[in-house]
Amino acid sequence: MTTRPARIPVFTTRVLTAVRRIPPGRVATYGDVAAMAGQPRASRAVGNIMRDCRRSDVPCHRVIAAGGRLGGFGGSPVLKQQLLRAEGLQVGRTTVRQFAEVRWRGRASRP
């Protein structure tokens, strides 16, 4: 008996695609990513997808909370700080500095 791979929900696919488009040295909020994925009110769902994402081709560390707050990152906010700093961002203990300048909103996709 062969096992079929689980189908990835369309919204999850859109979220992962949006996050892959965030350029190095830039960040987007959970709400920004939700809007890019066609569901502007689904920021909490984006957070859940990011929490569970273990794909190395998805830069989840570039997705942050509203107002420039770091938010979670698989239980390791220090790792998130380090990854963002390695991309040249100025990061405090809990926030991305100069958030307005490094925020990337991309383009909303069509549902």
PDB file of N, CA and C in Angstrom:
ATOM      1  N   MET A   1       0.844  -1.168   0.000  1.00  0.00           N
ATOM      2  CA  MET A   1       0.000   0.000   0.000  1.00  0.00           C
ATOM      3  C   MET A   1       0.894   1.237   0.000  1.00  0.00           C
ATOM      4  N   THR A   2       0.624   2.167  -0.906  1.00  0.00           N
ATOM      5  CA  THR A   2       1.400   3.402  -0.959  1.00  0.00           C
ATOM      6  C   THR A   2       0.643   4.502  -0.234  1.00  0.00           C
ATOM      7  N   THR A   3       1.388   5.381   0.362  1.00  0.00           N
ATOM      8  CA  THR A   3       0.796   6.503   1.075  1.00  0.00           C
ATOM      9  C   THR A   3       0.902   7.742   0.210  1.00  0.00           C
ATOM     10  N   ARG A   4      -0.200   8.422   0.047  1.00  0.00           N
ATOM     11  CA  ARG A   4      -0.206   9.667  -0.723  1.00  0.00           C
ATOM     12  C   ARG A   4       0.278  10.816   0.155  1.00  0.00           C
ATOM     13  N   PRO A   5       1.025  11.727  -0.430  1.00  0.00           N
ATOM     14  CA  PRO A   5       1.430  12.901   0.368  1.00  0.00           C
ATOM     15  C   PRO A   5       0.205  13.743   0.707  1.00  0.00           C
ATOM     16  N   ALA A   6       0.253  14.363   1.855  1.00  0.00           N
ATOM     17  CA  ALA A   6      -0.858  15.217   2.288  1.00  0.00           C
ATOM     18  C   ALA A   6      -0.954  16.426   1.366  1.00  0.00           C
ATOM     19  N   ARG A   7      -2.162  16.824   1.059  1.00  0.00           N
ATOM     20  CA  ARG A   7      -2.369  18.015   0.231  1.00  0.00           C
ATOM     21  C   ARG A   7      -2.170  19.256   1.085  1.00  0.00           C
ATOM     22  N   ILE A   8      -1.469  20.201   0.549  1.00  0.00           N
ATOM     23  CA  ILE A   8      -1.249  21.460   1.254  1.00  0.00           C
ATOM     24  C   ILE A   8      -2.397  22.388   0.883  1.00  0.00           C
ATOM     25  N   PRO A   9      -3.066  22.975   1.891  1.00  0.00           N
ATOM     26  CA  PRO A   9      -4.156  23.906   1.585  1.00  0.00           C
ATOM     27  C   PRO A   9      -3.687  25.067   0.703  1.00  0.00           C
ATOM     28  N   VAL A  10      -4.579  25.552  -0.133  1.00  0.00           N
ATOM     29  CA  VAL A  10      -4.257  26.637  -1.073  1.00  0.00           C
ATOM     30  C   VAL A  10      -3.729  27.860  -0.330  1.00  0.00           C
ATOM     31  N   PHE A  11      -4.366  28.228   0.784  1.00  0.00           N
ATOM     32  CA  PHE A  11      -3.914  29.409   1.520  1.00  0.00           C
ATOM     33  C   PHE A  11      -2.483  29.218   2.023  1.00  0.00           C
ATOM     34  N   THR A  12      -2.171  28.039   2.516  1.00  0.00           N
ATOM     35  CA  THR A  12      -0.811  27.769   2.999  1.00  0.00           C
ATOM     36  C   THR A  12       0.193  27.926   1.861  1.00  0.00           C
ATOM     37  N   THR A  13      -0.139  27.415   0.701  1.00  0.00           N
ATOM     38  CA  THR A  13       0.741  27.547  -0.463  1.00  0.00           C
ATOM     39  C   THR A  13       0.957  29.011  -0.812  1.00  0.00           C
ATOM     40  N   ARG A  14      -0.110  29.799  -0.759  1.00  0.00           N
ATOM     41  CA  ARG A  14       0.012  31.237  -1.056  1.00  0.00           C
ATOM     42  C   ARG A  14       0.884  31.944  -0.025  1.00  0.00           C
ATOM     43  N   VAL A  15       0.726  31.578   1.250  1.00  0.00           N
ATOM     44  CA  VAL A  15       1.534  32.178   2.315  1.00  0.00           C
ATOM     45  C   VAL A  15       3.011  31.856   2.098  1.00  0.00           C
ATOM     46  N   LEU A  16       3.323  30.596   1.851  1.00  0.00           N
ATOM     47  CA  LEU A  16       4.720  30.202   1.662  1.00  0.00           C
ATOM     48  C   LEU A  16       5.326  30.893   0.444  1.00  0.00           C
ATOM     49  N   THR A  17       4.544  31.039  -0.608  1.00  0.00           N
ATOM     50  CA  THR A  17       5.011  31.739  -1.804  1.00  0.00           C
ATOM     51  C   THR A  17       5.298  33.209  -1.492  1.00  0.00           C
ATOM     52  N   ALA A  18       4.400  33.844  -0.744  1.00  0.00           N
ATOM     53  CA  ALA A  18       4.583  35.249  -0.371  1.00  0.00           C
ATOM     54  C   ALA A  18       5.836  35.428   0.484  1.00  0.00           C
ATOM     55  N   VAL A  19       6.042  34.551   1.436  1.00  0.00           N
ATOM     56  CA  VAL A  19       7.201  34.671   2.327  1.00  0.00           C
ATOM     57  C   VAL A  19       8.496  34.465   1.550  1.00  0.00           C
ATOM     58  N   ARG A  20       8.496  33.561   0.588  1.00  0.00           N
ATOM     59  CA  ARG A  20       9.699  33.352  -0.231  1.00  0.00           C
ATOM     60  C   ARG A  20      10.075  34.603  -1.015  1.00  0.00           C
ATOM     61  N   ARG A  21       9.116  35.475  -1.288  1.00  0.00           N
ATOM     62  CA  ARG A  21       9.371  36.692  -2.064  1.00  0.00           C
ATOM     63  C   ARG A  21       9.923  37.837  -1.223  1.00  0.00           C
ATOM     64  N   ILE A  22       9.897  37.730   0.094  1.00  0.00           N
ATOM     65  CA  ILE A  22      10.425  38.812   0.942  1.00  0.00           C
ATOM     66  C   ILE A  22      11.942  38.875   0.729  1.00  0.00           C
ATOM     67  N   PRO A  23      12.447  40.011   0.273  1.00  0.00           N
ATOM     68  CA  PRO A  23      13.886  40.106  -0.010  1.00  0.00           C
ATOM     69  C   PRO A  23      14.729  40.070   1.269  1.00  0.00           C
ATOM     70  N   PRO A  24      15.964  39.592   1.158  1.00  0.00           N
ATOM     71  CA  PRO A  24      16.877  39.647   2.305  1.00  0.00           C
ATOM     72  C   PRO A  24      17.024  41.096   2.774  1.00  0.00           C
ATOM     73  N   GLY A  25      17.101  41.278   4.087  1.00  0.00           N
ATOM     74  CA  GLY A  25      17.244  42.614   4.647  1.00  0.00           C
ATOM     75  C   GLY A  25      15.940  43.369   4.771  1.00  0.00           C
ATOM     76  N   ARG A  26      14.832  42.713   4.493  1.00  0.00           N
ATOM     77  CA  ARG A  26      13.500  43.315   4.613  1.00  0.00           C
ATOM     78  C   ARG A  26      12.637  42.392   5.463  1.00  0.00           C
ATOM     79  N   VAL A  27      11.553  42.933   6.020  1.00  0.00           N
ATOM     80  CA  VAL A  27      10.606  42.147   6.817  1.00  0.00           C
ATOM     81  C   VAL A  27       9.182  42.478   6.393  1.00  0.00           C
ATOM     82  N   ALA A  28       8.273  41.580   6.710  1.00  0.00           N
ATOM     83  CA  ALA A  28       6.843  41.802   6.489  1.00  0.00           C
ATOM     84  C   ALA A  28       6.118  41.316   7.736  1.00  0.00           C
ATOM     85  N   THR A  29       4.999  41.940   8.037  1.00  0.00           N
ATOM     86  CA  THR A  29       4.227  41.504   9.201  1.00  0.00           C
ATOM     87  C   THR A  29       3.351  40.312   8.818  1.00  0.00           C
ATOM     88  N   TYR A  30       2.839  39.646   9.833  1.00  0.00           N
ATOM     89  CA  TYR A  30       1.911  38.541   9.589  1.00  0.00           C
ATOM     90  C   TYR A  30       0.720  39.041   8.778  1.00  0.00           C
ATOM     91  N   GLY A  31       0.257  40.251   9.083  1.00  0.00           N
ATOM     92  CA  GLY A  31      -0.855  40.847   8.347  1.00  0.00           C
ATOM     93  C   GLY A  31      -0.488  41.164   6.907  1.00  0.00           C
ATOM     94  N   ASP A  32       0.727  41.650   6.682  1.00  0.00           N
ATOM     95  CA  ASP A  32       1.186  41.917   5.316  1.00  0.00           C
ATOM     96  C   ASP A  32       1.168  40.636   4.492  1.00  0.00           C
ATOM     97  N   VAL A  33       1.682  39.558   5.077  1.00  0.00           N
ATOM     98  CA  VAL A  33       1.738  38.278   4.372  1.00  0.00           C
ATOM     99  C   VAL A  33       0.326  37.765   4.105  1.00  0.00           C
ATOM    100  N   ALA A  34      -0.569  37.919   5.081  1.00  0.00           N
ATOM    101  CA  ALA A  34      -1.957  37.489   4.880  1.00  0.00           C
ATOM    102  C   ALA A  34      -2.576  38.233   3.700  1.00  0.00           C
ATOM    103  N   ALA A  35      -2.321  39.543   3.626  1.00  0.00           N
ATOM    104  CA  ALA A  35      -2.853  40.330   2.509  1.00  0.00           C
ATOM    105  C   ALA A  35      -2.252  39.873   1.184  1.00  0.00           C
ATOM    106  N   MET A  36      -0.949  39.627   1.164  1.00  0.00           N
ATOM    107  CA  MET A  36      -0.300  39.154  -0.063  1.00  0.00           C
ATOM    108  C   MET A  36      -0.863  37.809  -0.500  1.00  0.00           C
ATOM    109  N   ALA A  37      -1.302  37.003   0.477  1.00  0.00           N
ATOM    110  CA  ALA A  37      -1.853  35.680   0.182  1.00  0.00           C
ATOM    111  C   ALA A  37      -3.343  35.736  -0.129  1.00  0.00           C
ATOM    112  N   GLY A  38      -3.917  36.945  -0.145  1.00  0.00           N
ATOM    113  CA  GLY A  38      -5.311  37.095  -0.528  1.00  0.00           C
ATOM    114  C   GLY A  38      -6.327  37.032   0.592  1.00  0.00           C
ATOM    115  N   GLN A  39      -5.865  36.985   1.844  1.00  0.00           N
ATOM    116  CA  GLN A  39      -6.766  36.931   3.003  1.00  0.00           C
ATOM    117  C   GLN A  39      -6.301  37.948   4.044  1.00  0.00           C
ATOM    118  N   PRO A  40      -6.582  39.236   3.847  1.00  0.00           N
ATOM    119  CA  PRO A  40      -6.005  40.287   4.694  1.00  0.00           C
ATOM    120  C   PRO A  40      -6.329  40.183   6.182  1.00  0.00           C
ATOM    121  N   ARG A  41      -7.357  39.448   6.551  1.00  0.00           N
ATOM    122  CA  ARG A  41      -7.712  39.336   7.968  1.00  0.00           C
ATOM    123  C   ARG A  41      -7.185  38.049   8.609  1.00  0.00           C
ATOM    124  N   ALA A  42      -6.303  37.351   7.931  1.00  0.00           N
ATOM    125  CA  ALA A  42      -5.851  36.036   8.393  1.00  0.00           C
ATOM    126  C   ALA A  42      -4.443  36.052   8.986  1.00  0.00           C
ATOM    127  N   SER A  43      -4.085  37.123   9.675  1.00  0.00           N
ATOM    128  CA  SER A  43      -2.728  37.215  10.226  1.00  0.00           C
ATOM    129  C   SER A  43      -2.450  36.121  11.254  1.00  0.00           C
ATOM    130  N   ARG A  44      -3.444  35.759  12.035  1.00  0.00           N
ATOM    131  CA  ARG A  44      -3.245  34.694  13.021  1.00  0.00           C
ATOM    132  C   ARG A  44      -2.961  33.359  12.331  1.00  0.00           C
ATOM    133  N   ALA A  45      -3.659  33.109  11.231  1.00  0.00           N
ATOM    134  CA  ALA A  45      -3.415  31.878  10.466  1.00  0.00           C
ATOM    135  C   ALA A  45      -1.999  31.873   9.896  1.00  0.00           C
ATOM    136  N   VAL A  46      -1.524  33.032   9.435  1.00  0.00           N
ATOM    137  CA  VAL A  46      -0.156  33.136   8.937  1.00  0.00           C
ATOM    138  C   VAL A  46       0.823  32.798  10.066  1.00  0.00           C
ATOM    139  N   GLY A  47       0.559  33.315  11.264  1.00  0.00           N
ATOM    140  CA  GLY A  47       1.410  33.001  12.407  1.00  0.00           C
ATOM    141  C   GLY A  47       1.474  31.510  12.676  1.00  0.00           C
ATOM    142  N   ASN A  48       0.343  30.841  12.570  1.00  0.00           N
ATOM    143  CA  ASN A  48       0.311  29.383  12.784  1.00  0.00           C
ATOM    144  C   ASN A  48       1.098  28.654  11.700  1.00  0.00           C
ATOM    145  N   ILE A  49       0.976  29.108  10.467  1.00  0.00           N
ATOM    146  CA  ILE A  49       1.720  28.482   9.371  1.00  0.00           C
ATOM    147  C   ILE A  49       3.217  28.687   9.582  1.00  0.00           C
ATOM    148  N   MET A  50       3.614  29.888   9.973  1.00  0.00           N
ATOM    149  CA  MET A  50       5.033  30.169  10.208  1.00  0.00           C
ATOM    150  C   MET A  50       5.561  29.344  11.385  1.00  0.00           C
ATOM    151  N   ARG A  51       4.758  29.211  12.424  1.00  0.00           N
ATOM    152  CA  ARG A  51       5.172  28.441  13.601  1.00  0.00           C
ATOM    153  C   ARG A  51       5.481  26.992  13.238  1.00  0.00           C
ATOM    154  N   ASP A  52       4.675  26.428  12.340  1.00  0.00           N
ATOM    155  CA  ASP A  52       4.814  25.016  11.997  1.00  0.00           C
ATOM    156  C   ASP A  52       5.730  24.760  10.805  1.00  0.00           C
ATOM    157  N   CYS A  53       6.164  25.812  10.126  1.00  0.00           N
ATOM    158  CA  CYS A  53       6.975  25.653   8.916  1.00  0.00           C
ATOM    159  C   CYS A  53       8.405  25.269   9.288  1.00  0.00           C
ATOM    160  N   ARG A  54       8.877  24.210   8.709  1.00  0.00           N
ATOM    161  CA  ARG A  54      10.257  23.759   8.944  1.00  0.00           C
ATOM    162  C   ARG A  54      11.035  23.691   7.631  1.00  0.00           C
ATOM    163  N   ARG A  55      10.533  24.360   6.613  1.00  0.00           N
ATOM    164  CA  ARG A  55      11.153  24.313   5.294  1.00  0.00           C
ATOM    165  C   ARG A  55      12.327  25.285   5.219  1.00  0.00           C
ATOM    166  N   SER A  56      13.453  24.803   4.771  1.00  0.00           N
ATOM    167  CA  SER A  56      14.641  25.661   4.687  1.00  0.00           C
ATOM    168  C   SER A  56      14.549  26.670   3.539  1.00  0.00           C
ATOM    169  N   ASP A  57      13.627  26.454   2.597  1.00  0.00           N
ATOM    170  CA  ASP A  57      13.489  27.380   1.475  1.00  0.00           C
ATOM    171  C   ASP A  57      12.495  28.507   1.752  1.00  0.00           C
ATOM    172  N   VAL A  58      11.999  28.585   2.978  1.00  0.00           N
ATOM    173  CA  VAL A  58      11.044  29.629   3.362  1.00  0.00           C
ATOM    174  C   VAL A  58      11.675  30.456   4.483  1.00  0.00           C
ATOM    175  N   PRO A  59      11.986  31.734   4.226  1.00  0.00           N
ATOM    176  CA  PRO A  59      12.643  32.566   5.240  1.00  0.00           C
ATOM    177  C   PRO A  59      11.655  33.095   6.290  1.00  0.00           C
ATOM    178  N   CYS A  60      11.164  32.203   7.121  1.00  0.00           N
ATOM    179  CA  CYS A  60      10.152  32.552   8.124  1.00  0.00           C
ATOM    180  C   CYS A  60      10.618  33.642   9.075  1.00  0.00           C
ATOM    181  N   HIS A  61      11.923  33.757   9.268  1.00  0.00           N
ATOM    182  CA  HIS A  61      12.446  34.770  10.196  1.00  0.00           C
ATOM    183  C   HIS A  61      12.154  36.188   9.723  1.00  0.00           C
ATOM    184  N   ARG A  62      11.813  36.365   8.457  1.00  0.00           N
ATOM    185  CA  ARG A  62      11.515  37.698   7.923  1.00  0.00           C
ATOM    186  C   ARG A  62      10.078  38.132   8.183  1.00  0.00           C
ATOM    187  N   VAL A  63       9.287  37.262   8.791  1.00  0.00           N
ATOM    188  CA  VAL A  63       7.900  37.596   9.107  1.00  0.00           C
ATOM    189  C   VAL A  63       7.834  37.955  10.586  1.00  0.00           C
ATOM    190  N   ILE A  64       7.349  39.167  10.862  1.00  0.00           N
ATOM    191  CA  ILE A  64       7.342  39.669  12.233  1.00  0.00           C
ATOM    192  C   ILE A  64       5.945  40.149  12.606  1.00  0.00           C
ATOM    193  N   ALA A  65       5.783  40.498  13.866  1.00  0.00           N
ATOM    194  CA  ALA A  65       4.496  40.973  14.370  1.00  0.00           C
ATOM    195  C   ALA A  65       4.300  42.452  14.026  1.00  0.00           C
ATOM    196  N   ALA A  66       3.107  42.931  14.248  1.00  0.00           N
ATOM    197  CA  ALA A  66       2.758  44.329  13.957  1.00  0.00           C
ATOM    198  C   ALA A  66       3.659  45.282  14.735  1.00  0.00           C
ATOM    199  N   GLY A  67       3.905  46.439  14.151  1.00  0.00           N
ATOM    200  CA  GLY A  67       4.692  47.464  14.817  1.00  0.00           C
ATOM    201  C   GLY A  67       6.167  47.163  14.904  1.00  0.00           C
ATOM    202  N   GLY A  68       6.632  46.128  14.205  1.00  0.00           N
ATOM    203  CA  GLY A  68       8.044  45.798  14.227  1.00  0.00           C
ATOM    204  C   GLY A  68       8.469  44.850  15.331  1.00  0.00           C
ATOM    205  N   ARG A  69       7.509  44.347  16.110  1.00  0.00           N
ATOM    206  CA  ARG A  69       7.850  43.378  17.161  1.00  0.00           C
ATOM    207  C   ARG A  69       8.291  42.060  16.532  1.00  0.00           C
ATOM    208  N   LEU A  70       9.237  41.399  17.154  1.00  0.00           N
ATOM    209  CA  LEU A  70       9.788  40.182  16.574  1.00  0.00           C
ATOM    210  C   LEU A  70       8.789  39.034  16.507  1.00  0.00           C
ATOM    211  N   GLY A  71       7.956  38.886  17.500  1.00  0.00           N
ATOM    212  CA  GLY A  71       7.056  37.734  17.512  1.00  0.00           C
ATOM    213  C   GLY A  71       7.844  36.471  17.803  1.00  0.00           C
ATOM    214  N   GLY A  72       7.220  35.345  17.601  1.00  0.00           N
ATOM    215  CA  GLY A  72       7.882  34.070  17.884  1.00  0.00           C
ATOM    216  C   GLY A  72       8.669  33.568  16.688  1.00  0.00           C
ATOM    217  N   PHE A  73       9.419  32.530  16.914  1.00  0.00           N
ATOM    218  CA  PHE A  73      10.165  31.895  15.824  1.00  0.00           C
ATOM    219  C   PHE A  73      10.544  30.502  16.274  1.00  0.00           C
ATOM    220  N   GLY A  74       9.596  29.605  16.213  1.00  0.00           N
ATOM    221  CA  GLY A  74       9.867  28.229  16.605  1.00  0.00           C
ATOM    222  C   GLY A  74      10.429  28.111  18.003  1.00  0.00           C
ATOM    223  N   GLY A  75      10.048  29.047  18.877  1.00  0.00           N
ATOM    224  CA  GLY A  75      10.523  28.984  20.257  1.00  0.00           C
ATOM    225  C   GLY A  75      11.895  29.603  20.462  1.00  0.00           C
ATOM    226  N   SER A  76      12.464  30.225  19.445  1.00  0.00           N
ATOM    227  CA  SER A  76      13.799  30.800  19.589  1.00  0.00           C
ATOM    228  C   SER A  76      13.872  32.218  19.019  1.00  0.00           C
ATOM    229  N   PRO A  77      13.356  33.199  19.780  1.00  0.00           N
ATOM    230  CA  PRO A  77      13.442  34.577  19.301  1.00  0.00           C
ATOM    231  C   PRO A  77      14.888  35.062  19.147  1.00  0.00           C
ATOM    232  N   VAL A  78      15.814  34.495  19.901  1.00  0.00           N
ATOM    233  CA  VAL A  78      17.225  34.883  19.780  1.00  0.00           C
ATOM    234  C   VAL A  78      17.749  34.478  18.400  1.00  0.00           C
ATOM    235  N   LEU A  79      17.359  33.299  17.925  1.00  0.00           N
ATOM    236  CA  LEU A  79      17.769  32.869  16.591  1.00  0.00           C
ATOM    237  C   LEU A  79      17.191  33.810  15.527  1.00  0.00           C
ATOM    238  N   LYS A  80      15.939  34.228  15.726  1.00  0.00           N
ATOM    239  CA  LYS A  80      15.320  35.166  14.790  1.00  0.00           C
ATOM    240  C   LYS A  80      16.112  36.474  14.758  1.00  0.00           C
ATOM    241  N   GLN A  81      16.491  36.981  15.930  1.00  0.00           N
ATOM    242  CA  GLN A  81      17.318  38.193  16.011  1.00  0.00           C
ATOM    243  C   GLN A  81      18.614  38.007  15.224  1.00  0.00           C
ATOM    244  N   GLN A  82      19.274  36.891  15.446  1.00  0.00           N
ATOM    245  CA  GLN A  82      20.559  36.638  14.806  1.00  0.00           C
ATOM    246  C   GLN A  82      20.428  36.552  13.286  1.00  0.00           C
ATOM    247  N   LEU A  83      19.399  35.876  12.809  1.00  0.00           N
ATOM    248  CA  LEU A  83      19.202  35.749  11.363  1.00  0.00           C
ATOM    249  C   LEU A  83      18.915  37.105  10.728  1.00  0.00           C
ATOM    250  N   LEU A  84      18.092  37.917  11.386  1.00  0.00           N
ATOM    251  CA  LEU A  84      17.788  39.247  10.849  1.00  0.00           C
ATOM    252  C   LEU A  84      19.016  40.145  10.877  1.00  0.00           C
ATOM    253  N   ARG A  85      19.790  40.074  11.954  1.00  0.00           N
ATOM    254  CA  ARG A  85      21.027  40.867  12.033  1.00  0.00           C
ATOM    255  C   ARG A  85      22.013  40.439  10.959  1.00  0.00           C
ATOM    256  N   ALA A  86      22.084  39.143  10.682  1.00  0.00           N
ATOM    257  CA  ALA A  86      22.990  38.645   9.643  1.00  0.00           C
ATOM    258  C   ALA A  86      22.613  39.195   8.269  1.00  0.00           C
ATOM    259  N   GLU A  87      21.361  39.601   8.104  1.00  0.00           N
ATOM    260  CA  GLU A  87      20.912  40.193   6.844  1.00  0.00           C
ATOM    261  C   GLU A  87      21.070  41.719   6.847  1.00  0.00           C
ATOM    262  N   GLY A  88      21.659  42.250   7.927  1.00  0.00           N
ATOM    263  CA  GLY A  88      21.944  43.676   7.976  1.00  0.00           C
ATOM    264  C   GLY A  88      20.903  44.527   8.677  1.00  0.00           C
ATOM    265  N   LEU A  89      19.891  43.919   9.247  1.00  0.00           N
ATOM    266  CA  LEU A  89      18.864  44.691   9.955  1.00  0.00           C
ATOM    267  C   LEU A  89      19.341  45.047  11.353  1.00  0.00           C
ATOM    268  N   GLN A  90      18.888  46.193  11.826  1.00  0.00           N
ATOM    269  CA  GLN A  90      19.156  46.595  13.204  1.00  0.00           C
ATOM    270  C   GLN A  90      18.008  46.058  14.057  1.00  0.00           C
ATOM    271  N   VAL A  91      18.346  45.185  14.983  1.00  0.00           N
ATOM    272  CA  VAL A  91      17.327  44.522  15.786  1.00  0.00           C
ATOM    273  C   VAL A  91      17.641  44.714  17.259  1.00  0.00           C
ATOM    274  N   GLY A  92      16.653  45.231  17.984  1.00  0.00           N
ATOM    275  CA  GLY A  92      16.774  45.338  19.432  1.00  0.00           C
ATOM    276  C   GLY A  92      16.379  44.023  20.072  1.00  0.00           C
ATOM    277  N   ARG A  93      16.154  44.067  21.364  1.00  0.00           N
ATOM    278  CA  ARG A  93      15.789  42.841  22.077  1.00  0.00           C
ATOM    279  C   ARG A  93      14.442  42.300  21.631  1.00  0.00           C
ATOM    280  N   THR A  94      13.499  43.197  21.326  1.00  0.00           N
ATOM    281  CA  THR A  94      12.154  42.736  20.977  1.00  0.00           C
ATOM    282  C   THR A  94      11.593  43.334  19.694  1.00  0.00           C
ATOM    283  N   THR A  95      12.331  44.243  19.058  1.00  0.00           N
ATOM    284  CA  THR A  95      11.795  44.898  17.858  1.00  0.00           C
ATOM    285  C   THR A  95      12.853  45.082  16.770  1.00  0.00           C
ATOM    286  N   VAL A  96      12.358  45.242  15.552  1.00  0.00           N
ATOM    287  CA  VAL A  96      13.208  45.613  14.424  1.00  0.00           C
ATOM    288  C   VAL A  96      13.243  47.139  14.403  1.00  0.00           C
ATOM    289  N   ARG A  97      14.436  47.692  14.461  1.00  0.00           N
ATOM    290  CA  ARG A  97      14.576  49.150  14.423  1.00  0.00           C
ATOM    291  C   ARG A  97      14.381  49.644  12.998  1.00  0.00           C
ATOM    292  N   GLN A  98      13.935  50.883  12.884  1.00  0.00           N
ATOM    293  CA  GLN A  98      13.658  51.495  11.579  1.00  0.00           C
ATOM    294  C   GLN A  98      12.683  50.629  10.784  1.00  0.00           C
ATOM    295  N   PHE A  99      11.689  50.124  11.492  1.00  0.00           N
ATOM    296  CA  PHE A  99      10.709  49.207  10.915  1.00  0.00           C
ATOM    297  C   PHE A  99      10.070  49.754   9.644  1.00  0.00           C
ATOM    298  N   ALA A 100       9.663  51.006   9.657  1.00  0.00           N
ATOM    299  CA  ALA A 100       8.985  51.585   8.488  1.00  0.00           C
ATOM    300  C   ALA A 100       9.868  51.540   7.240  1.00  0.00           C
ATOM    301  N   GLU A 101      11.177  51.682   7.419  1.00  0.00           N
ATOM    302  CA  GLU A 101      12.083  51.694   6.277  1.00  0.00           C
ATOM    303  C   GLU A 101      12.373  50.302   5.731  1.00  0.00           C
ATOM    304  N   VAL A 102      12.312  49.287   6.563  1.00  0.00           N
ATOM    305  CA  VAL A 102      12.659  47.926   6.108  1.00  0.00           C
ATOM    306  C   VAL A 102      11.429  47.043   5.881  1.00  0.00           C
ATOM    307  N   ARG A 103      10.256  47.608   6.120  1.00  0.00           N
ATOM    308  CA  ARG A 103       9.019  46.833   5.918  1.00  0.00           C
ATOM    309  C   ARG A 103       8.782  46.634   4.430  1.00  0.00           C
ATOM    310  N   TRP A 104       8.446  45.411   4.074  1.00  0.00           N
ATOM    311  CA  TRP A 104       8.163  45.067   2.681  1.00  0.00           C
ATOM    312  C   TRP A 104       6.727  44.579   2.588  1.00  0.00           C
ATOM    313  N   ARG A 105       5.939  45.214   1.777  1.00  0.00           N
ATOM    314  CA  ARG A 105       4.523  44.858   1.668  1.00  0.00           C
ATOM    315  C   ARG A 105       4.223  44.036   0.427  1.00  0.00           C
ATOM    316  N   GLY A 106       5.161  43.928  -0.468  1.00  0.00           N
ATOM    317  CA  GLY A 106       4.949  43.116  -1.656  1.00  0.00           C
ATOM    318  C   GLY A 106       3.715  43.538  -2.409  1.00  0.00           C
ATOM    319  N   ARG A 107       3.060  42.577  -2.956  1.00  0.00           N
ATOM    320  CA  ARG A 107       1.867  42.823  -3.730  1.00  0.00           C
ATOM    321  C   ARG A 107       0.833  41.782  -3.322  1.00  0.00           C
ATOM    322  N   ALA A 108      -0.389  42.193  -3.109  1.00  0.00           N
ATOM    323  CA  ALA A 108      -1.453  41.265  -2.746  1.00  0.00           C
ATOM    324  C   ALA A 108      -1.748  40.350  -3.938  1.00  0.00           C
ATOM    325  N   SER A 109      -1.911  39.065  -3.650  1.00  0.00           N
ATOM    326  CA  SER A 109      -2.267  38.138  -4.720  1.00  0.00           C
ATOM    327  C   SER A 109      -3.763  38.119  -4.914  1.00  0.00           C
ATOM    328  N   ARG A 110      -4.177  37.616  -6.015  1.00  0.00           N
ATOM    329  CA  ARG A 110      -5.617  37.516  -6.297  1.00  0.00           C
ATOM    330  C   ARG A 110      -6.098  36.150  -5.854  1.00  0.00           C
ATOM    331  N   PRO A 111      -7.202  36.125  -5.067  1.00  0.00           N
ATOM    332  CA  PRO A 111      -7.714  34.822  -4.602  1.00  0.00           C
ATOM    333  C   PRO A 111      -8.207  33.950  -5.724  1.00  0.00           C
TER     334      PRO A 111
END
